[in-house]
Amino acid sequence: MKAKDLMVPVYDYLRPDSTLNEAVNLLRTAVRGEHKFGVMGLSVLDDKKKLVGMLSMTDILKAVYPSYMTMMNLGDFTWDGMLESLACQAGDKKVGDIMTRKVITVQEDDPLMECVDHMLKGHVRRMPVLDKGGKVVGMIYLRDIFYAVTQSMMDERCKL
């Protein structure tokens, strides 16, 4: 099986100049396959539709969580309302400022074992799938590879 056999075609993407408010709205409503139910990360493409990054829920949470928090002893700190306040402030940040720039990708003809290798070594749950010209044509998800693996495990040929 190849990446193209499991990938989900890409319909939605972000641009580096999109705001986090725009990004969050798209993440919540993005199309995955034929369904519209939201995704946990999207490709970031430039004006020429070239992949320049990925934006995930984790990137957004990092944008809201101040870096100085890791250096403080916050035992007596009041947390009430802090997240909401910081989230409001982060809404106007640009996707290009917080996106992950080093993106692990696969080619559409790459075998699934190579996809698993990249995902496990890179600690990623989704990877853009590129065509021969380097254009993003789909996204392959850890969940879908897992289901393919478990389907193979349940195959009657494995029980012989």
N, C-alpha and C. Protein backbone atom coordinates (compact mmCIF):
# COMPACT_ATOMS: atom_id res chain seq x y z
N MET A 1 0.84 -1.18 0.00
CA MET A 1 0.00 0.00 0.00
C MET A 1 0.90 1.25 0.00
N LYS A 2 0.45 2.28 -0.65
CA LYS A 2 1.20 3.52 -0.80
C LYS A 2 0.49 4.66 -0.05
N ALA A 3 1.21 5.75 0.14
CA ALA A 3 0.64 6.92 0.82
C ALA A 3 -0.63 7.39 0.11
N LYS A 4 -0.61 7.39 -1.22
CA LYS A 4 -1.77 7.87 -1.98
C LYS A 4 -3.02 7.01 -1.75
N ASP A 5 -2.82 5.75 -1.32
CA ASP A 5 -3.95 4.86 -1.08
C ASP A 5 -4.70 5.21 0.20
N LEU A 6 -4.02 5.83 1.15
CA LEU A 6 -4.65 6.18 2.43
C LEU A 6 -4.83 7.68 2.64
N MET A 7 -4.16 8.49 1.83
CA MET A 7 -4.21 9.94 2.06
C MET A 7 -5.62 10.47 1.88
N VAL A 8 -5.88 11.57 2.56
CA VAL A 8 -7.13 12.28 2.42
C VAL A 8 -6.84 13.50 1.56
N PRO A 9 -7.58 13.69 0.47
CA PRO A 9 -7.32 14.87 -0.37
C PRO A 9 -7.43 16.16 0.44
N VAL A 10 -6.59 17.13 0.09
CA VAL A 10 -6.56 18.41 0.79
C VAL A 10 -7.48 19.40 0.09
N TYR A 11 -8.41 19.96 0.83
CA TYR A 11 -9.29 20.99 0.30
C TYR A 11 -8.99 22.34 0.97
N ASP A 12 -8.61 22.29 2.23
CA ASP A 12 -8.40 23.51 3.01
C ASP A 12 -6.93 23.66 3.36
N TYR A 13 -6.47 24.88 3.40
CA TYR A 13 -5.11 25.17 3.82
C TYR A 13 -5.09 26.59 4.37
N LEU A 14 -4.00 26.92 5.03
CA LEU A 14 -3.81 28.26 5.58
C LEU A 14 -2.73 28.98 4.79
N ARG A 15 -2.68 30.29 4.98
CA ARG A 15 -1.63 31.11 4.41
C ARG A 15 -0.83 31.72 5.55
N PRO A 16 0.44 32.02 5.33
CA PRO A 16 1.25 32.59 6.42
C PRO A 16 0.71 33.90 6.97
N ASP A 17 0.00 34.66 6.15
CA ASP A 17 -0.53 35.94 6.61
C ASP A 17 -1.92 35.84 7.24
N SER A 18 -2.46 34.63 7.33
CA SER A 18 -3.74 34.44 8.03
C SER A 18 -3.54 34.71 9.51
N THR A 19 -4.57 35.21 10.17
CA THR A 19 -4.49 35.40 11.62
C THR A 19 -4.86 34.10 12.32
N LEU A 20 -4.52 34.01 13.59
CA LEU A 20 -4.91 32.82 14.36
C LEU A 20 -6.42 32.71 14.46
N ASN A 21 -7.11 33.84 14.54
CA ASN A 21 -8.58 33.79 14.55
C ASN A 21 -9.10 33.10 13.29
N GLU A 22 -8.55 33.47 12.13
CA GLU A 22 -8.96 32.84 10.88
C GLU A 22 -8.57 31.36 10.88
N ALA A 23 -7.38 31.07 11.38
CA ALA A 23 -6.89 29.69 11.41
C ALA A 23 -7.77 28.81 12.29
N VAL A 24 -8.11 29.31 13.46
CA VAL A 24 -8.94 28.53 14.39
C VAL A 24 -10.29 28.25 13.77
N ASN A 25 -10.87 29.23 13.11
CA ASN A 25 -12.16 29.02 12.46
C ASN A 25 -12.06 27.93 11.40
N LEU A 26 -10.98 27.95 10.61
CA LEU A 26 -10.81 26.94 9.57
C LEU A 26 -10.52 25.57 10.17
N LEU A 27 -9.70 25.50 11.20
CA LEU A 27 -9.44 24.22 11.86
C LEU A 27 -10.74 23.59 12.37
N ARG A 28 -11.62 24.42 12.86
CA ARG A 28 -12.88 23.91 13.43
C ARG A 28 -13.87 23.46 12.37
N THR A 29 -13.74 23.98 11.14
CA THR A 29 -14.74 23.69 10.11
C THR A 29 -14.16 23.02 8.87
N ALA A 30 -12.88 22.70 8.88
CA ALA A 30 -12.22 22.17 7.69
C ALA A 30 -12.82 20.85 7.24
N VAL A 31 -12.66 20.61 5.98
CA VAL A 31 -13.14 19.38 5.38
C VAL A 31 -12.02 18.35 5.45
N ARG A 32 -12.35 17.18 5.94
CA ARG A 32 -11.41 16.05 5.93
C ARG A 32 -12.07 14.96 5.11
N GLY A 33 -11.55 14.74 3.93
CA GLY A 33 -12.18 13.80 3.02
C GLY A 33 -13.47 14.41 2.49
N GLU A 34 -14.54 13.70 2.63
CA GLU A 34 -15.83 14.20 2.15
C GLU A 34 -16.66 14.80 3.28
N HIS A 35 -16.11 14.84 4.47
CA HIS A 35 -16.86 15.31 5.62
C HIS A 35 -16.32 16.63 6.13
N LYS A 36 -17.20 17.43 6.68
CA LYS A 36 -16.81 18.71 7.26
C LYS A 36 -16.96 18.59 8.77
N PHE A 37 -15.85 18.38 9.45
CA PHE A 37 -15.96 18.26 10.90
C PHE A 37 -14.76 18.79 11.64
N GLY A 38 -13.84 19.41 10.96
CA GLY A 38 -12.69 19.98 11.62
C GLY A 38 -11.49 19.06 11.61
N VAL A 39 -10.33 19.69 11.76
CA VAL A 39 -9.07 18.95 11.77
C VAL A 39 -8.19 19.50 12.87
N MET A 40 -7.11 18.79 13.19
CA MET A 40 -6.22 19.22 14.26
C MET A 40 -4.97 19.89 13.74
N GLY A 41 -4.83 19.98 12.42
CA GLY A 41 -3.69 20.65 11.82
C GLY A 41 -3.91 20.85 10.34
N LEU A 42 -3.33 21.91 9.80
CA LEU A 42 -3.47 22.21 8.38
C LEU A 42 -2.13 22.63 7.79
N SER A 43 -1.98 22.39 6.50
CA SER A 43 -0.82 22.86 5.77
C SER A 43 -0.89 24.37 5.62
N VAL A 44 0.28 24.99 5.58
CA VAL A 44 0.38 26.42 5.30
C VAL A 44 1.08 26.54 3.96
N LEU A 45 0.39 27.16 2.99
CA LEU A 45 0.91 27.29 1.64
C LEU A 45 1.11 28.76 1.29
N ASP A 46 2.14 29.04 0.49
CA ASP A 46 2.38 30.42 0.07
C ASP A 46 1.51 30.74 -1.16
N ASP A 47 1.74 31.90 -1.76
CA ASP A 47 0.94 32.35 -2.90
C ASP A 47 1.05 31.42 -4.11
N LYS A 48 2.15 30.68 -4.20
CA LYS A 48 2.36 29.76 -5.31
C LYS A 48 1.92 28.35 -4.96
N LYS A 49 1.22 28.22 -3.83
CA LYS A 49 0.73 26.93 -3.32
C LYS A 49 1.86 26.00 -2.91
N LYS A 50 3.01 26.57 -2.56
CA LYS A 50 4.15 25.79 -2.08
C LYS A 50 4.04 25.65 -0.56
N LEU A 51 4.33 24.45 -0.06
CA LEU A 51 4.27 24.18 1.37
C LEU A 51 5.37 24.96 2.09
N VAL A 52 4.96 25.77 3.07
CA VAL A 52 5.93 26.55 3.85
C VAL A 52 5.84 26.24 5.34
N GLY A 53 4.84 25.43 5.75
CA GLY A 53 4.72 25.09 7.16
C GLY A 53 3.46 24.31 7.44
N MET A 54 3.30 24.01 8.73
CA MET A 54 2.09 23.36 9.23
C MET A 54 1.66 24.11 10.48
N LEU A 55 0.37 24.20 10.68
CA LEU A 55 -0.16 24.78 11.92
C LEU A 55 -1.04 23.73 12.57
N SER A 56 -0.74 23.43 13.83
CA SER A 56 -1.51 22.43 14.56
C SER A 56 -2.12 23.04 15.81
N MET A 57 -2.98 22.29 16.44
CA MET A 57 -3.55 22.74 17.72
C MET A 57 -2.44 23.02 18.72
N THR A 58 -1.40 22.22 18.72
CA THR A 58 -0.28 22.41 19.64
C THR A 58 0.40 23.74 19.39
N ASP A 59 0.60 24.10 18.12
CA ASP A 59 1.20 25.40 17.81
C ASP A 59 0.37 26.54 18.36
N ILE A 60 -0.93 26.41 18.26
CA ILE A 60 -1.83 27.46 18.75
C ILE A 60 -1.76 27.55 20.27
N LEU A 61 -1.75 26.40 20.94
CA LEU A 61 -1.64 26.42 22.40
C LEU A 61 -0.31 27.02 22.85
N LYS A 62 0.75 26.73 22.12
CA LYS A 62 2.05 27.33 22.44
C LYS A 62 2.02 28.85 22.26
N ALA A 63 1.24 29.33 21.29
CA ALA A 63 1.13 30.77 21.06
C ALA A 63 0.39 31.47 22.20
N VAL A 64 -0.48 30.73 22.87
CA VAL A 64 -1.27 31.29 23.97
C VAL A 64 -0.51 31.18 25.29
N TYR A 65 0.30 30.15 25.41
CA TYR A 65 1.02 29.88 26.66
C TYR A 65 2.32 30.70 26.67
N PRO A 66 2.45 31.65 27.56
CA PRO A 66 3.65 32.49 27.58
C PRO A 66 4.91 31.69 27.94
N SER A 67 5.99 31.98 27.24
CA SER A 67 7.23 31.24 27.46
C SER A 67 7.79 31.42 28.87
N TYR A 68 7.52 32.57 29.48
CA TYR A 68 8.04 32.80 30.83
C TYR A 68 7.40 31.90 31.88
N MET A 69 6.28 31.28 31.55
CA MET A 69 5.58 30.41 32.51
C MET A 69 6.44 29.21 32.90
N THR A 70 7.28 28.74 32.02
CA THR A 70 8.08 27.56 32.31
C THR A 70 9.22 27.86 33.28
N MET A 71 9.51 29.14 33.49
CA MET A 71 10.64 29.52 34.34
C MET A 71 10.20 29.96 35.74
N MET A 72 8.92 29.91 36.00
CA MET A 72 8.42 30.43 37.27
C MET A 72 7.87 29.32 38.15
N ASN A 73 7.93 29.54 39.46
CA ASN A 73 7.25 28.67 40.40
C ASN A 73 5.87 29.28 40.59
N LEU A 74 4.86 28.61 40.09
CA LEU A 74 3.52 29.21 40.05
C LEU A 74 2.56 28.61 41.07
N GLY A 75 3.09 28.11 42.16
CA GLY A 75 2.24 27.49 43.17
C GLY A 75 1.14 28.38 43.71
N ASP A 76 1.43 29.65 43.93
CA ASP A 76 0.43 30.57 44.49
C ASP A 76 -0.18 31.48 43.43
N PHE A 77 0.06 31.18 42.19
CA PHE A 77 -0.41 32.02 41.09
C PHE A 77 -1.89 31.79 40.84
N THR A 78 -2.61 32.84 40.51
CA THR A 78 -4.02 32.68 40.19
C THR A 78 -4.18 32.44 38.68
N TRP A 79 -4.86 31.39 38.34
CA TRP A 79 -5.02 30.98 36.95
C TRP A 79 -6.36 31.43 36.36
N ASP A 80 -7.31 31.82 37.21
CA ASP A 80 -8.66 32.14 36.75
C ASP A 80 -8.65 33.19 35.64
N GLY A 81 -9.23 32.84 34.51
CA GLY A 81 -9.39 33.76 33.40
C GLY A 81 -8.14 34.01 32.58
N MET A 82 -7.03 33.47 33.01
CA MET A 82 -5.77 33.76 32.33
C MET A 82 -5.75 33.21 30.89
N LEU A 83 -6.16 31.97 30.72
CA LEU A 83 -6.13 31.36 29.39
C LEU A 83 -7.02 32.13 28.42
N GLU A 84 -8.21 32.47 28.87
CA GLU A 84 -9.14 33.20 28.02
C GLU A 84 -8.57 34.56 27.61
N SER A 85 -7.96 35.24 28.56
CA SER A 85 -7.37 36.55 28.29
C SER A 85 -6.22 36.44 27.28
N LEU A 86 -5.34 35.46 27.49
CA LEU A 86 -4.21 35.28 26.58
C LEU A 86 -4.67 34.83 25.20
N ALA A 87 -5.74 34.04 25.15
CA ALA A 87 -6.28 33.59 23.87
C ALA A 87 -6.81 34.79 23.07
N CYS A 88 -7.47 35.70 23.72
CA CYS A 88 -7.96 36.90 23.04
C CYS A 88 -6.80 37.71 22.47
N GLN A 89 -5.74 37.80 23.23
CA GLN A 89 -4.58 38.57 22.78
C GLN A 89 -3.87 37.89 21.60
N ALA A 90 -3.92 36.59 21.54
CA ALA A 90 -3.19 35.85 20.51
C ALA A 90 -3.93 35.81 19.17
N GLY A 91 -5.19 36.14 19.16
CA GLY A 91 -6.02 36.02 17.96
C GLY A 91 -5.52 36.76 16.74
N ASP A 92 -4.81 37.85 16.93
CA ASP A 92 -4.32 38.64 15.80
C ASP A 92 -2.92 38.24 15.34
N LYS A 93 -2.29 37.29 16.03
CA LYS A 93 -0.97 36.82 15.60
C LYS A 93 -1.10 36.17 14.22
N LYS A 94 -0.02 36.21 13.47
CA LYS A 94 -0.02 35.63 12.12
C LYS A 94 0.42 34.16 12.16
N VAL A 95 -0.22 33.36 11.35
CA VAL A 95 0.11 31.95 11.24
C VAL A 95 1.60 31.76 10.95
N GLY A 96 2.14 32.58 10.07
CA GLY A 96 3.55 32.46 9.70
C GLY A 96 4.51 32.66 10.86
N ASP A 97 4.05 33.35 11.91
CA ASP A 97 4.90 33.59 13.07
C ASP A 97 4.95 32.41 14.04
N ILE A 98 3.95 31.55 14.00
CA ILE A 98 3.90 30.46 14.99
C ILE A 98 3.88 29.06 14.37
N MET A 99 3.72 28.98 13.06
CA MET A 99 3.63 27.66 12.41
C MET A 99 4.94 26.89 12.57
N THR A 100 4.84 25.60 12.42
CA THR A 100 6.01 24.75 12.38
C THR A 100 6.56 24.82 10.97
N ARG A 101 7.82 25.23 10.85
CA ARG A 101 8.42 25.43 9.53
C ARG A 101 9.09 24.17 8.99
N LYS A 102 9.60 23.35 9.87
CA LYS A 102 10.24 22.11 9.43
C LYS A 102 9.14 21.04 9.37
N VAL A 103 8.68 20.79 8.16
CA VAL A 103 7.55 19.88 7.96
C VAL A 103 8.04 18.57 7.36
N ILE A 104 7.65 17.50 7.97
CA ILE A 104 7.96 16.17 7.46
C ILE A 104 6.89 15.83 6.43
N THR A 105 7.31 15.46 5.23
CA THR A 105 6.37 15.13 4.16
C THR A 105 6.70 13.76 3.60
N VAL A 106 5.77 13.24 2.83
CA VAL A 106 5.98 12.01 2.07
C VAL A 106 5.51 12.24 0.64
N GLN A 107 6.03 11.45 -0.26
CA GLN A 107 5.60 11.47 -1.66
C GLN A 107 4.41 10.52 -1.79
N GLU A 108 3.55 10.79 -2.74
CA GLU A 108 2.33 9.98 -2.88
C GLU A 108 2.62 8.51 -3.18
N ASP A 109 3.78 8.21 -3.76
CA ASP A 109 4.11 6.81 -4.07
C ASP A 109 4.97 6.14 -3.00
N ASP A 110 5.21 6.83 -1.88
CA ASP A 110 5.98 6.23 -0.79
C ASP A 110 5.17 5.11 -0.13
N PRO A 111 5.85 4.00 0.21
CA PRO A 111 5.16 2.90 0.90
C PRO A 111 4.73 3.32 2.31
N LEU A 112 3.68 2.67 2.81
CA LEU A 112 3.17 3.01 4.14
C LEU A 112 4.21 2.81 5.23
N MET A 113 5.10 1.84 5.07
CA MET A 113 6.13 1.62 6.09
C MET A 113 7.02 2.86 6.20
N GLU A 114 7.30 3.51 5.08
CA GLU A 114 8.09 4.74 5.12
C GLU A 114 7.31 5.85 5.85
N CYS A 115 6.01 5.91 5.63
CA CYS A 115 5.16 6.89 6.32
C CYS A 115 5.21 6.66 7.82
N VAL A 116 5.09 5.41 8.23
CA VAL A 116 5.15 5.07 9.65
C VAL A 116 6.51 5.46 10.22
N ASP A 117 7.56 5.18 9.49
CA ASP A 117 8.91 5.53 9.93
C ASP A 117 9.03 7.03 10.18
N HIS A 118 8.57 7.83 9.24
CA HIS A 118 8.62 9.29 9.40
C HIS A 118 7.77 9.76 10.57
N MET A 119 6.60 9.19 10.72
CA MET A 119 5.69 9.61 11.79
C MET A 119 6.26 9.29 13.17
N LEU A 120 6.78 8.09 13.32
CA LEU A 120 7.31 7.69 14.62
C LEU A 120 8.59 8.44 14.97
N LYS A 121 9.49 8.56 14.02
CA LYS A 121 10.74 9.25 14.29
C LYS A 121 10.55 10.76 14.44
N GLY A 122 9.57 11.31 13.71
CA GLY A 122 9.33 12.75 13.77
C GLY A 122 8.27 13.16 14.79
N HIS A 123 7.66 12.18 15.45
CA HIS A 123 6.62 12.45 16.45
C HIS A 123 5.48 13.31 15.88
N VAL A 124 4.99 12.92 14.70
CA VAL A 124 3.90 13.65 14.07
C VAL A 124 2.70 12.73 13.88
N ARG A 125 1.54 13.33 13.82
CA ARG A 125 0.29 12.59 13.67
C ARG A 125 -0.33 12.76 12.29
N ARG A 126 0.22 13.71 11.54
CA ARG A 126 -0.28 13.95 10.19
C ARG A 126 0.88 14.46 9.33
N MET A 127 0.87 14.08 8.07
CA MET A 127 1.93 14.52 7.15
C MET A 127 1.33 14.88 5.82
N PRO A 128 1.77 16.00 5.26
CA PRO A 128 1.35 16.33 3.90
C PRO A 128 1.92 15.31 2.92
N VAL A 129 1.12 14.99 1.93
CA VAL A 129 1.53 14.10 0.85
C VAL A 129 1.72 14.96 -0.39
N LEU A 130 2.91 14.84 -1.00
CA LEU A 130 3.26 15.66 -2.15
C LEU A 130 3.24 14.85 -3.43
N ASP A 131 2.87 15.50 -4.52
CA ASP A 131 2.98 14.85 -5.83
C ASP A 131 4.40 15.02 -6.36
N LYS A 132 4.66 14.53 -7.55
CA LYS A 132 6.01 14.59 -8.11
C LYS A 132 6.51 16.02 -8.29
N GLY A 133 5.61 16.98 -8.44
CA GLY A 133 5.97 18.38 -8.61
C GLY A 133 6.13 19.13 -7.30
N GLY A 134 5.93 18.43 -6.17
CA GLY A 134 6.08 19.06 -4.86
C GLY A 134 4.82 19.75 -4.35
N LYS A 135 3.71 19.58 -5.04
CA LYS A 135 2.44 20.18 -4.63
C LYS A 135 1.75 19.29 -3.59
N VAL A 136 1.17 19.92 -2.57
CA VAL A 136 0.43 19.17 -1.56
C VAL A 136 -0.87 18.65 -2.19
N VAL A 137 -1.02 17.33 -2.19
CA VAL A 137 -2.22 16.73 -2.78
C VAL A 137 -3.08 16.02 -1.74
N GLY A 138 -2.53 15.85 -0.55
CA GLY A 138 -3.30 15.16 0.47
C GLY A 138 -2.60 15.20 1.81
N MET A 139 -3.25 14.58 2.78
CA MET A 139 -2.72 14.48 4.13
C MET A 139 -2.89 13.03 4.55
N ILE A 140 -1.85 12.48 5.15
CA ILE A 140 -1.95 11.12 5.68
C ILE A 140 -1.92 11.22 7.19
N TYR A 141 -2.83 10.51 7.83
CA TYR A 141 -3.02 10.60 9.27
C TYR A 141 -2.60 9.30 9.96
N LEU A 142 -2.02 9.45 11.13
CA LEU A 142 -1.61 8.31 11.95
C LEU A 142 -2.79 7.38 12.18
N ARG A 143 -3.93 7.95 12.46
CA ARG A 143 -5.14 7.16 12.73
C ARG A 143 -5.47 6.25 11.55
N ASP A 144 -5.37 6.76 10.33
CA ASP A 144 -5.71 5.96 9.16
C ASP A 144 -4.70 4.83 8.93
N ILE A 145 -3.43 5.11 9.19
CA ILE A 145 -2.41 4.05 9.09
C ILE A 145 -2.66 3.00 10.17
N PHE A 146 -3.01 3.44 11.37
CA PHE A 146 -3.32 2.51 12.45
C PHE A 146 -4.47 1.58 12.04
N TYR A 147 -5.53 2.15 11.46
CA TYR A 147 -6.66 1.32 11.04
C TYR A 147 -6.25 0.33 9.94
N ALA A 148 -5.36 0.74 9.04
CA ALA A 148 -4.88 -0.18 8.00
C ALA A 148 -4.09 -1.32 8.62
N VAL A 149 -3.26 -0.99 9.62
CA VAL A 149 -2.48 -2.02 10.32
C VAL A 149 -3.41 -2.99 11.05
N THR A 150 -4.36 -2.46 11.78
CA THR A 150 -5.26 -3.34 12.54
C THR A 150 -6.14 -4.17 11.61
N GLN A 151 -6.51 -3.61 10.45
CA GLN A 151 -7.28 -4.39 9.48
C GLN A 151 -6.44 -5.56 8.98
N SER A 152 -5.16 -5.31 8.73
CA SER A 152 -4.27 -6.39 8.30
C SER A 152 -4.13 -7.45 9.40
N MET A 153 -4.06 -7.02 10.65
CA MET A 153 -3.96 -7.97 11.77
C MET A 153 -5.18 -8.86 11.86
N MET A 154 -6.32 -8.31 11.50
CA MET A 154 -7.57 -9.05 11.60
C MET A 154 -7.84 -9.92 10.37
N ASP A 155 -7.03 -9.74 9.33
CA ASP A 155 -7.19 -10.49 8.10
C ASP A 155 -7.03 -11.97 8.38
N GLU A 156 -7.83 -12.78 7.74
CA GLU A 156 -7.80 -14.22 7.95
C GLU A 156 -6.44 -14.83 7.58
N ARG A 157 -5.71 -14.22 6.65
CA ARG A 157 -4.40 -14.75 6.25
C ARG A 157 -3.41 -14.69 7.41
N CYS A 158 -3.60 -13.76 8.34
CA CYS A 158 -2.71 -13.67 9.49
C CYS A 158 -2.96 -14.79 10.49
N LYS A 159 -4.12 -15.38 10.43
CA LYS A 159 -4.51 -16.38 11.42
C LYS A 159 -4.09 -17.80 11.00
N LEU A 160 -3.49 -17.92 9.82
CA LEU A 160 -3.08 -19.26 9.33
C LEU A 160 -1.82 -19.73 10.00
